Amino acid sequence: MAAVFNLTYNTARAIVKSDTVDSEQVNGHYPTAIWVGGAGIVRAIMEDNTDVQFTCVAGTILPIYAKRVMSTTTSATLMVGLYQQ
């Protein structure tokens, strides 16, 4: 059975893909989730430096704490970092 997440977010920032620069922090925290507007692969560096890839359909919310979305390999578009503050 799939997990159901009932989360709300109160801040959002555009995700800028980069192989060297971490995502913007809000009040000292990376995004709580990433909204993926355009289908494709999201290659993320997690807070513990784990390098992972997700294949996403348009409109996916990835409930992950990622400190960076890599430019290399990431083909998904229109990504927005969602924050719970």
PDB file of N, CA and C in Angstrom:
ATOM      1  N   MET A   1       0.833  -1.164   0.000  1.00  0.00           N
ATOM      2  CA  MET A   1       0.000   0.000   0.000  1.00  0.00           C
ATOM      3  C   MET A   1       0.888   1.242   0.000  1.00  0.00           C
ATOM      4  N   ALA A   2       0.555   2.211  -0.787  1.00  0.00           N
ATOM      5  CA  ALA A   2       1.333   3.444  -0.883  1.00  0.00           C
ATOM      6  C   ALA A   2       1.147   4.297   0.363  1.00  0.00           C
ATOM      7  N   ALA A   3       2.221   4.974   0.747  1.00  0.00           N
ATOM      8  CA  ALA A   3       2.155   5.883   1.891  1.00  0.00           C
ATOM      9  C   ALA A   3       1.409   7.147   1.480  1.00  0.00           C
ATOM     10  N   VAL A   4       0.653   7.697   2.402  1.00  0.00           N
ATOM     11  CA  VAL A   4      -0.079   8.933   2.148  1.00  0.00           C
ATOM     12  C   VAL A   4       0.555  10.029   2.991  1.00  0.00           C
ATOM     13  N   PHE A   5       0.937  11.115   2.351  1.00  0.00           N
ATOM     14  CA  PHE A   5       1.538  12.239   3.043  1.00  0.00           C
ATOM     15  C   PHE A   5       0.535  13.379   3.067  1.00  0.00           C
ATOM     16  N   ASN A   6       0.282  13.897   4.238  1.00  0.00           N
ATOM     17  CA  ASN A   6      -0.639  15.014   4.389  1.00  0.00           C
ATOM     18  C   ASN A   6       0.174  16.186   4.926  1.00  0.00           C
ATOM     19  N   LEU A   7       0.984  16.787   4.071  1.00  0.00           N
ATOM     20  CA  LEU A   7       1.873  17.857   4.472  1.00  0.00           C
ATOM     21  C   LEU A   7       1.412  19.171   3.882  1.00  0.00           C
ATOM     22  N   THR A   8       1.680  20.227   4.603  1.00  0.00           N
ATOM     23  CA  THR A   8       1.428  21.561   4.082  1.00  0.00           C
ATOM     24  C   THR A   8       2.738  22.326   4.074  1.00  0.00           C
ATOM     25  N   TYR A   9       2.840  23.272   3.194  1.00  0.00           N
ATOM     26  CA  TYR A   9       4.063  24.052   3.017  1.00  0.00           C
ATOM     27  C   TYR A   9       3.680  25.527   3.078  1.00  0.00           C
ATOM     28  N   ASN A  10       4.573  26.345   3.624  1.00  0.00           N
ATOM     29  CA  ASN A  10       4.248  27.763   3.719  1.00  0.00           C
ATOM     30  C   ASN A  10       5.240  28.664   3.001  1.00  0.00           C
ATOM     31  N   THR A  11       6.236  28.068   2.358  1.00  0.00           N
ATOM     32  CA  THR A  11       7.214  28.840   1.601  1.00  0.00           C
ATOM     33  C   THR A  11       7.652  28.016   0.402  1.00  0.00           C
ATOM     34  N   ALA A  12       7.946  28.691  -0.693  1.00  0.00           N
ATOM     35  CA  ALA A  12       8.401  28.003  -1.906  1.00  0.00           C
ATOM     36  C   ALA A  12       9.468  28.844  -2.601  1.00  0.00           C
ATOM     37  N   ARG A  13      10.407  28.172  -3.217  1.00  0.00           N
ATOM     38  CA  ARG A  13      11.463  28.825  -3.993  1.00  0.00           C
ATOM     39  C   ARG A  13      11.727  27.988  -5.244  1.00  0.00           C
ATOM     40  N   ALA A  14      12.023  28.671  -6.344  1.00  0.00           N
ATOM     41  CA  ALA A  14      12.387  27.958  -7.571  1.00  0.00           C
ATOM     42  C   ALA A  14      13.670  27.164  -7.325  1.00  0.00           C
ATOM     43  N   ILE A  15      13.720  25.953  -7.841  1.00  0.00           N
ATOM     44  CA  ILE A  15      14.925  25.130  -7.769  1.00  0.00           C
ATOM     45  C   ILE A  15      15.810  25.481  -8.953  1.00  0.00           C
ATOM     46  N   VAL A  16      17.052  25.813  -8.669  1.00  0.00           N
ATOM     47  CA  VAL A  16      18.040  26.071  -9.706  1.00  0.00           C
ATOM     48  C   VAL A  16      18.981  24.870  -9.735  1.00  0.00           C
ATOM     49  N   LYS A  17      18.985  24.159 -10.853  1.00  0.00           N
ATOM     50  CA  LYS A  17      19.854  22.981 -10.970  1.00  0.00           C
ATOM     51  C   LYS A  17      21.316  23.422 -11.005  1.00  0.00           C
ATOM     52  N   SER A  18      22.161  22.709 -10.256  1.00  0.00           N
ATOM     53  CA  SER A  18      23.587  23.015 -10.240  1.00  0.00           C
ATOM     54  C   SER A  18      24.366  21.792  -9.770  1.00  0.00           C
ATOM     55  N   ASP A  19      25.526  21.591 -10.363  1.00  0.00           N
ATOM     56  CA  ASP A  19      26.397  20.495  -9.932  1.00  0.00           C
ATOM     57  C   ASP A  19      27.326  20.922  -8.794  1.00  0.00           C
ATOM     58  N   THR A  20      27.319  22.215  -8.432  1.00  0.00           N
ATOM     59  CA  THR A  20      28.252  22.705  -7.418  1.00  0.00           C
ATOM     60  C   THR A  20      27.614  23.538  -6.306  1.00  0.00           C
ATOM     61  N   VAL A  21      26.417  24.095  -6.530  1.00  0.00           N
ATOM     62  CA  VAL A  21      25.811  25.009  -5.567  1.00  0.00           C
ATOM     63  C   VAL A  21      24.562  24.374  -4.958  1.00  0.00           C
ATOM     64  N   ASP A  22      24.484  24.402  -3.623  1.00  0.00           N
ATOM     65  CA  ASP A  22      23.323  23.850  -2.921  1.00  0.00           C
ATOM     66  C   ASP A  22      22.093  24.718  -3.137  1.00  0.00           C
ATOM     67  N   SER A  23      20.924  24.129  -2.923  1.00  0.00           N
ATOM     68  CA  SER A  23      19.659  24.855  -3.022  1.00  0.00           C
ATOM     69  C   SER A  23      19.589  25.929  -1.941  1.00  0.00           C
ATOM     70  N   GLU A  24      18.726  26.886  -2.179  1.00  0.00           N
ATOM     71  CA  GLU A  24      18.531  27.960  -1.205  1.00  0.00           C
ATOM     72  C   GLU A  24      17.975  27.408   0.098  1.00  0.00           C
ATOM     73  N   GLN A  25      18.489  27.904   1.200  1.00  0.00           N
ATOM     74  CA  GLN A  25      17.955  27.545   2.509  1.00  0.00           C
ATOM     75  C   GLN A  25      17.021  28.662   2.979  1.00  0.00           C
ATOM     76  N   VAL A  26      15.964  28.272   3.653  1.00  0.00           N
ATOM     77  CA  VAL A  26      15.054  29.219   4.287  1.00  0.00           C
ATOM     78  C   VAL A  26      15.113  28.947   5.781  1.00  0.00           C
ATOM     79  N   ASN A  27      15.468  29.948   6.548  1.00  0.00           N
ATOM     80  CA  ASN A  27      15.643  29.806   8.000  1.00  0.00           C
ATOM     81  C   ASN A  27      16.576  28.643   8.344  1.00  0.00           C
ATOM     82  N   GLY A  28      17.625  28.472   7.531  1.00  0.00           N
ATOM     83  CA  GLY A  28      18.626  27.451   7.804  1.00  0.00           C
ATOM     84  C   GLY A  28      18.264  26.038   7.381  1.00  0.00           C
ATOM     85  N   HIS A  29      17.200  25.891   6.579  1.00  0.00           N
ATOM     86  CA  HIS A  29      16.757  24.554   6.180  1.00  0.00           C
ATOM     87  C   HIS A  29      16.621  24.448   4.660  1.00  0.00           C
ATOM     88  N   TYR A  30      16.983  23.278   4.161  1.00  0.00           N
ATOM     89  CA  TYR A  30      16.760  22.973   2.745  1.00  0.00           C
ATOM     90  C   TYR A  30      15.289  22.644   2.535  1.00  0.00           C
ATOM     91  N   PRO A  31      14.848  22.545   1.285  1.00  0.00           N
ATOM     92  CA  PRO A  31      13.428  22.224   1.037  1.00  0.00           C
ATOM     93  C   PRO A  31      13.001  20.917   1.702  1.00  0.00           C
ATOM     94  N   THR A  32      11.759  20.893   2.134  1.00  0.00           N
ATOM     95  CA  THR A  32      11.150  19.708   2.724  1.00  0.00           C
ATOM     96  C   THR A  32      10.672  18.752   1.632  1.00  0.00           C
ATOM     97  N   ALA A  33      10.387  19.306   0.461  1.00  0.00           N
ATOM     98  CA  ALA A  33       9.912  18.518  -0.675  1.00  0.00           C
ATOM     99  C   ALA A  33      10.218  19.295  -1.958  1.00  0.00           C
ATOM    100  N   ILE A  34      10.123  18.604  -3.078  1.00  0.00           N
ATOM    101  CA  ILE A  34      10.313  19.241  -4.380  1.00  0.00           C
ATOM    102  C   ILE A  34       9.103  18.924  -5.246  1.00  0.00           C
ATOM    103  N   TRP A  35       8.487  19.979  -5.774  1.00  0.00           N
ATOM    104  CA  TRP A  35       7.395  19.809  -6.733  1.00  0.00           C
ATOM    105  C   TRP A  35       8.018  19.783  -8.122  1.00  0.00           C
ATOM    106  N   VAL A  36       7.676  18.766  -8.920  1.00  0.00           N
ATOM    107  CA  VAL A  36       8.215  18.595 -10.265  1.00  0.00           C
ATOM    108  C   VAL A  36       7.086  18.870 -11.259  1.00  0.00           C
ATOM    109  N   GLY A  37       7.197  19.974 -11.974  1.00  0.00           N
ATOM    110  CA  GLY A  37       6.150  20.364 -12.910  1.00  0.00           C
ATOM    111  C   GLY A  37       6.228  19.661 -14.251  1.00  0.00           C
ATOM    112  N   GLY A  38       7.447  19.372 -14.715  1.00  0.00           N
ATOM    113  CA  GLY A  38       7.646  18.717 -16.001  1.00  0.00           C
ATOM    114  C   GLY A  38       8.325  17.370 -15.820  1.00  0.00           C
ATOM    115  N   ALA A  39       7.785  16.350 -16.432  1.00  0.00           N
ATOM    116  CA  ALA A  39       8.259  14.972 -16.257  1.00  0.00           C
ATOM    117  C   ALA A  39       9.737  14.824 -16.603  1.00  0.00           C
ATOM    118  N   GLY A  40      10.386  13.877 -15.914  1.00  0.00           N
ATOM    119  CA  GLY A  40      11.778  13.562 -16.204  1.00  0.00           C
ATOM    120  C   GLY A  40      12.479  13.002 -14.987  1.00  0.00           C
ATOM    121  N   ILE A  41      13.790  12.973 -15.062  1.00  0.00           N
ATOM    122  CA  ILE A  41      14.624  12.468 -13.972  1.00  0.00           C
ATOM    123  C   ILE A  41      15.046  13.626 -13.086  1.00  0.00           C
ATOM    124  N   VAL A  42      14.981  13.412 -11.771  1.00  0.00           N
ATOM    125  CA  VAL A  42      15.527  14.353 -10.793  1.00  0.00           C
ATOM    126  C   VAL A  42      16.690  13.649 -10.103  1.00  0.00           C
ATOM    127  N   ARG A  43      17.872  14.191 -10.285  1.00  0.00           N
ATOM    128  CA  ARG A  43      19.052  13.669  -9.586  1.00  0.00           C
ATOM    129  C   ARG A  43      19.335  14.610  -8.421  1.00  0.00           C
ATOM    130  N   ALA A  44      19.239  14.094  -7.211  1.00  0.00           N
ATOM    131  CA  ALA A  44      19.355  14.923  -6.016  1.00  0.00           C
ATOM    132  C   ALA A  44      20.495  14.461  -5.126  1.00  0.00           C
ATOM    133  N   ILE A  45      21.082  15.427  -4.431  1.00  0.00           N
ATOM    134  CA  ILE A  45      22.054  15.141  -3.382  1.00  0.00           C
ATOM    135  C   ILE A  45      21.317  15.376  -2.064  1.00  0.00           C
ATOM    136  N   MET A  46      21.199  14.320  -1.286  1.00  0.00           N
ATOM    137  CA  MET A  46      20.469  14.405  -0.023  1.00  0.00           C
ATOM    138  C   MET A  46      21.333  15.094   1.038  1.00  0.00           C
ATOM    139  N   GLU A  47      20.738  15.418   2.180  1.00  0.00           N
ATOM    140  CA  GLU A  47      21.483  16.093   3.247  1.00  0.00           C
ATOM    141  C   GLU A  47      22.686  15.288   3.728  1.00  0.00           C
ATOM    142  N   ASP A  48      22.633  13.964   3.629  1.00  0.00           N
ATOM    143  CA  ASP A  48      23.765  13.125   4.051  1.00  0.00           C
ATOM    144  C   ASP A  48      24.736  12.843   2.901  1.00  0.00           C
ATOM    145  N   ASN A  49      24.594  13.596   1.800  1.00  0.00           N
ATOM    146  CA  ASN A  49      25.441  13.509   0.599  1.00  0.00           C
ATOM    147  C   ASN A  49      25.192  12.275  -0.257  1.00  0.00           C
ATOM    148  N   THR A  50      24.118  11.552  -0.006  1.00  0.00           N
ATOM    149  CA  THR A  50      23.731  10.444  -0.872  1.00  0.00           C
ATOM    150  C   THR A  50      23.263  11.004  -2.207  1.00  0.00           C
ATOM    151  N   ASP A  51      23.710  10.408  -3.293  1.00  0.00           N
ATOM    152  CA  ASP A  51      23.358  10.818  -4.653  1.00  0.00           C
ATOM    153  C   ASP A  51      22.285   9.856  -5.164  1.00  0.00           C
ATOM    154  N   VAL A  52      21.071  10.356  -5.406  1.00  0.00           N
ATOM    155  CA  VAL A  52      19.961   9.502  -5.824  1.00  0.00           C
ATOM    156  C   VAL A  52      19.258  10.076  -7.045  1.00  0.00           C
ATOM    157  N   GLN A  53      18.574   9.193  -7.785  1.00  0.00           N
ATOM    158  CA  GLN A  53      17.804   9.618  -8.954  1.00  0.00           C
ATOM    159  C   GLN A  53      16.369   9.144  -8.826  1.00  0.00           C
ATOM    160  N   PHE A  54      15.439  10.014  -9.210  1.00  0.00           N
ATOM    161  CA  PHE A  54      14.018   9.693  -9.204  1.00  0.00           C
ATOM    162  C   PHE A  54      13.459   9.952 -10.598  1.00  0.00           C
ATOM    163  N   THR A  55      12.651   9.042 -11.100  1.00  0.00           N
ATOM    164  CA  THR A  55      11.930   9.260 -12.347  1.00  0.00           C
ATOM    165  C   THR A  55      10.537   9.744 -11.983  1.00  0.00           C
ATOM    166  N   CYS A  56      10.188  10.939 -12.449  1.00  0.00           N
ATOM    167  CA  CYS A  56       8.947  11.594 -12.016  1.00  0.00           C
ATOM    168  C   CYS A  56       8.029  11.903 -13.190  1.00  0.00           C
ATOM    169  N   VAL A  57       6.749  11.792 -12.948  1.00  0.00           N
ATOM    170  CA  VAL A  57       5.752  12.278 -13.900  1.00  0.00           C
ATOM    171  C   VAL A  57       5.461  13.730 -13.550  1.00  0.00           C
ATOM    172  N   ALA A  58       4.864  14.449 -14.465  1.00  0.00           N
ATOM    173  CA  ALA A  58       4.512  15.848 -14.211  1.00  0.00           C
ATOM    174  C   ALA A  58       3.558  15.936 -13.024  1.00  0.00           C
ATOM    175  N   GLY A  59       3.806  16.901 -12.144  1.00  0.00           N
ATOM    176  CA  GLY A  59       2.950  17.105 -10.989  1.00  0.00           C
ATOM    177  C   GLY A  59       3.332  16.287  -9.771  1.00  0.00           C
ATOM    178  N   THR A  60       4.510  15.673  -9.780  1.00  0.00           N
ATOM    179  CA  THR A  60       4.980  14.870  -8.650  1.00  0.00           C
ATOM    180  C   THR A  60       5.483  15.766  -7.524  1.00  0.00           C
ATOM    181  N   ILE A  61       5.160  15.400  -6.302  1.00  0.00           N
ATOM    182  CA  ILE A  61       5.797  16.007  -5.135  1.00  0.00           C
ATOM    183  C   ILE A  61       6.724  14.952  -4.536  1.00  0.00           C
ATOM    184  N   LEU A  62       8.026  15.252  -4.539  1.00  0.00           N
ATOM    185  CA  LEU A  62       9.014  14.356  -3.931  1.00  0.00           C
ATOM    186  C   LEU A  62       9.185  14.787  -2.476  1.00  0.00           C
ATOM    187  N   PRO A  63       8.774  13.973  -1.513  1.00  0.00           N
ATOM    188  CA  PRO A  63       8.907  14.344  -0.100  1.00  0.00           C
ATOM    189  C   PRO A  63      10.297  13.999   0.424  1.00  0.00           C
ATOM    190  N   ILE A  64      11.308  14.723  -0.067  1.00  0.00           N
ATOM    191  CA  ILE A  64      12.694  14.443   0.296  1.00  0.00           C
ATOM    192  C   ILE A  64      13.380  15.720   0.784  1.00  0.00           C
ATOM    193  N   TYR A  65      14.388  15.543   1.641  1.00  0.00           N
ATOM    194  CA  TYR A  65      15.227  16.643   2.092  1.00  0.00           C
ATOM    195  C   TYR A  65      16.492  16.642   1.242  1.00  0.00           C
ATOM    196  N   ALA A  66      16.440  17.305   0.117  1.00  0.00           N
ATOM    197  CA  ALA A  66      17.584  17.347  -0.790  1.00  0.00           C
ATOM    198  C   ALA A  66      18.268  18.700  -0.689  1.00  0.00           C
ATOM    199  N   LYS A  67      19.591  18.680  -0.568  1.00  0.00           N
ATOM    200  CA  LYS A  67      20.295  19.951  -0.482  1.00  0.00           C
ATOM    201  C   LYS A  67      20.702  20.484  -1.857  1.00  0.00           C
ATOM    202  N   ARG A  68      20.633  19.618  -2.881  1.00  0.00           N
ATOM    203  CA  ARG A  68      21.014  20.065  -4.220  1.00  0.00           C
ATOM    204  C   ARG A  68      20.295  19.224  -5.259  1.00  0.00           C
ATOM    205  N   VAL A  69      19.907  19.859  -6.360  1.00  0.00           N
ATOM    206  CA  VAL A  69      19.410  19.138  -7.532  1.00  0.00           C
ATOM    207  C   VAL A  69      20.475  19.321  -8.605  1.00  0.00           C
ATOM    208  N   MET A  70      21.033  18.215  -9.021  1.00  0.00           N
ATOM    209  CA  MET A  70      22.150  18.241  -9.964  1.00  0.00           C
ATOM    210  C   MET A  70      21.694  18.627 -11.373  1.00  0.00           C
ATOM    211  N   SER A  71      22.518  19.432 -12.025  1.00  0.00           N
ATOM    212  CA  SER A  71      22.248  19.796 -13.412  1.00  0.00           C
ATOM    213  C   SER A  71      22.494  18.594 -14.327  1.00  0.00           C
ATOM    214  N   THR A  72      23.603  17.874 -14.039  1.00  0.00           N
ATOM    215  CA  THR A  72      23.924  16.680 -14.812  1.00  0.00           C
ATOM    216  C   THR A  72      22.895  15.596 -14.501  1.00  0.00           C
ATOM    217  N   THR A  73      22.298  15.035 -15.495  1.00  0.00           N
ATOM    218  CA  THR A  73      21.331  13.938 -15.446  1.00  0.00           C
ATOM    219  C   THR A  73      19.889  14.420 -15.235  1.00  0.00           C
ATOM    220  N   THR A  74      19.670  15.522 -14.524  1.00  0.00           N
ATOM    221  CA  THR A  74      18.299  15.978 -14.266  1.00  0.00           C
ATOM    222  C   THR A  74      17.672  16.494 -15.556  1.00  0.00           C
ATOM    223  N   SER A  75      16.567  15.858 -15.943  1.00  0.00           N
ATOM    224  CA  SER A  75      15.842  16.286 -17.145  1.00  0.00           C
ATOM    225  C   SER A  75      14.463  16.853 -16.798  1.00  0.00           C
ATOM    226  N   ALA A  76      14.026  16.669 -15.559  1.00  0.00           N
ATOM    227  CA  ALA A  76      12.744  17.229 -15.127  1.00  0.00           C
ATOM    228  C   ALA A  76      12.828  18.757 -15.145  1.00  0.00           C
ATOM    229  N   THR A  77      11.683  19.403 -15.280  1.00  0.00           N
ATOM    230  CA  THR A  77      11.645  20.860 -15.372  1.00  0.00           C
ATOM    231  C   THR A  77      10.618  21.439 -14.402  1.00  0.00           C
ATOM    232  N   LEU A  78      10.608  22.762 -14.331  1.00  0.00           N
ATOM    233  CA  LEU A  78       9.628  23.505 -13.531  1.00  0.00           C
ATOM    234  C   LEU A  78       9.604  23.030 -12.086  1.00  0.00           C
ATOM    235  N   MET A  79      10.781  22.872 -11.478  1.00  0.00           N
ATOM    236  CA  MET A  79      10.878  22.368 -10.106  1.00  0.00           C
ATOM    237  C   MET A  79      10.810  23.510  -9.103  1.00  0.00           C
ATOM    238  N   VAL A  80      10.113  23.267  -8.022  1.00  0.00           N
ATOM    239  CA  VAL A  80       9.942  24.251  -6.955  1.00  0.00           C
ATOM    240  C   VAL A  80      10.259  23.568  -5.622  1.00  0.00           C
ATOM    241  N   GLY A  81      11.137  24.200  -4.833  1.00  0.00           N
ATOM    242  CA  GLY A  81      11.414  23.702  -3.495  1.00  0.00           C
ATOM    243  C   GLY A  81      10.311  24.158  -2.556  1.00  0.00           C
ATOM    244  N   LEU A  82       9.765  23.212  -1.778  1.00  0.00           N
ATOM    245  CA  LEU A  82       8.691  23.505  -0.829  1.00  0.00           C
ATOM    246  C   LEU A  82       9.250  23.405   0.580  1.00  0.00           C
ATOM    247  N   TYR A  83       8.877  24.357   1.424  1.00  0.00           N
ATOM    248  CA  TYR A  83       9.433  24.444   2.778  1.00  0.00           C
ATOM    249  C   TYR A  83       8.318  24.450   3.810  1.00  0.00           C
ATOM    250  N   GLN A  84       8.572  23.808   4.946  1.00  0.00           N
ATOM    251  CA  GLN A  84       7.703  23.875   6.126  1.00  0.00           C
ATOM    252  C   GLN A  84       8.468  24.675   7.162  1.00  0.00           C
ATOM    253  N   GLN A  85       7.987  25.829   7.508  1.00  0.00           N
ATOM    254  CA  GLN A  85       8.696  26.686   8.467  1.00  0.00           C
ATOM    255  C   GLN A  85       7.823  26.986   9.657  1.00  0.00           C
TER     256      GLN A  85
END
